[in-house]
Amino acid sequence: MSQESIRQLLENLETELNRNESMDDETRALLTRLDNNIDQMLEDSEPNSPEMEQLIDMEARFAANHPVAERIVRELIATLSRIGI
């Protein structure tokens, strides 16, 4: 169930960011990296992974320009934390 929630949140994040027509290449690259990092975190199931730190950094980056995306990333962090990552 939790992995399904994570996949849904990733889809919501991508949809939200794609709504913003001015999404730059760096943000697109971050989204791709996020998806890859989430896959790695789910596979490894290691708490306090470097990927989690990157996810927290991404949340802070989105705070100013993408508040809805920031909320979705925060939910991703919370969901990953609940499953022990």
Protein backbone atom coordinates (compact mmCIF):
# COMPACT_ATOMS: atom_id res chain seq x y z
CA MET A 1 0.00 0.00 0.00
CA SER A 2 2.73 2.50 0.90
CA GLN A 3 4.60 1.94 -2.36
CA GLU A 4 1.38 2.56 -4.23
CA SER A 5 0.96 5.81 -2.29
CA ILE A 6 4.49 6.82 -3.21
CA ARG A 7 3.88 6.11 -6.90
CA GLN A 8 0.66 8.15 -6.78
CA LEU A 9 2.46 11.06 -5.12
CA LEU A 10 5.18 10.95 -7.79
CA GLU A 11 2.52 11.06 -10.49
CA ASN A 12 0.83 14.00 -8.73
CA LEU A 13 4.17 15.80 -8.49
CA GLU A 14 4.90 15.30 -12.17
CA THR A 15 1.41 16.49 -13.12
CA GLU A 16 1.75 19.58 -10.93
CA LEU A 17 5.16 20.49 -12.30
CA ASN A 18 4.05 19.93 -15.89
CA ARG A 19 1.18 22.38 -15.35
CA ASN A 20 3.80 25.07 -14.94
CA GLU A 21 4.74 25.85 -18.53
CA SER A 22 7.84 27.66 -17.39
CA MET A 23 9.36 24.56 -15.79
CA ASP A 24 13.04 24.74 -16.59
CA ASP A 25 15.40 21.95 -17.59
CA GLU A 26 16.93 21.85 -14.11
CA THR A 27 13.53 21.16 -12.53
CA ARG A 28 12.83 18.45 -15.11
CA ALA A 29 16.20 16.88 -14.30
CA LEU A 30 15.37 17.05 -10.58
CA LEU A 31 12.08 15.27 -11.21
CA THR A 32 13.84 12.49 -13.12
CA ARG A 33 16.50 12.18 -10.41
CA LEU A 34 13.77 12.10 -7.76
CA ASP A 35 12.01 9.23 -9.50
CA ASN A 36 15.29 7.29 -9.74
CA ASN A 37 16.18 8.08 -6.12
CA ILE A 38 12.78 6.90 -4.89
CA ASP A 39 13.24 3.62 -6.75
CA GLN A 40 16.67 3.20 -5.15
CA MET A 41 15.36 4.03 -1.68
CA LEU A 42 12.53 1.53 -2.00
CA GLU A 43 14.93 -1.14 -3.21
CA ASP A 44 17.53 -0.55 -0.49
CA SER A 45 15.12 0.32 2.34
CA GLU A 46 17.93 2.07 4.20
CA PRO A 47 17.05 4.76 6.72
CA ASN A 48 18.87 8.09 6.47
CA SER A 49 20.01 7.50 2.91
CA PRO A 50 21.71 10.24 0.86
CA GLU A 51 18.69 10.12 -1.44
CA MET A 52 16.46 11.21 1.44
CA GLU A 53 18.72 14.22 2.01
CA GLN A 54 18.35 15.11 -1.67
CA LEU A 55 14.59 14.80 -1.33
CA ILE A 56 14.61 17.19 1.63
CA ASP A 57 16.75 19.63 -0.38
CA MET A 58 14.25 19.40 -3.24
CA GLU A 59 11.40 20.24 -0.87
CA ALA A 60 13.23 23.40 0.18
CA ARG A 61 13.93 24.32 -3.45
CA PHE A 62 10.28 24.02 -4.40
CA ALA A 63 9.10 26.10 -1.43
CA ALA A 64 9.49 29.45 -3.18
CA ASN A 65 8.36 28.66 -6.72
CA HIS A 66 6.22 25.53 -6.54
CA PRO A 67 4.24 25.45 -3.27
CA VAL A 68 1.98 22.58 -4.37
CA ALA A 69 5.02 20.57 -5.46
CA GLU A 70 6.61 21.32 -2.10
CA ARG A 71 3.57 19.88 -0.32
CA ILE A 72 3.69 16.73 -2.47
CA VAL A 73 7.41 16.25 -1.78
CA ARG A 74 6.72 16.73 1.94
CA GLU A 75 4.08 13.98 1.70
CA LEU A 76 6.61 11.75 -0.08
CA ILE A 77 9.10 12.30 2.74
CA ALA A 78 6.47 11.49 5.35
CA THR A 79 5.35 8.33 3.53
CA LEU A 80 8.92 7.12 3.10
CA SER A 81 9.57 7.78 6.77
CA ARG A 82 6.51 5.78 7.78
CA ILE A 83 7.83 2.73 5.90
CA GLY A 84 11.21 3.07 7.58
CA ILE A 85 13.26 4.83 4.94
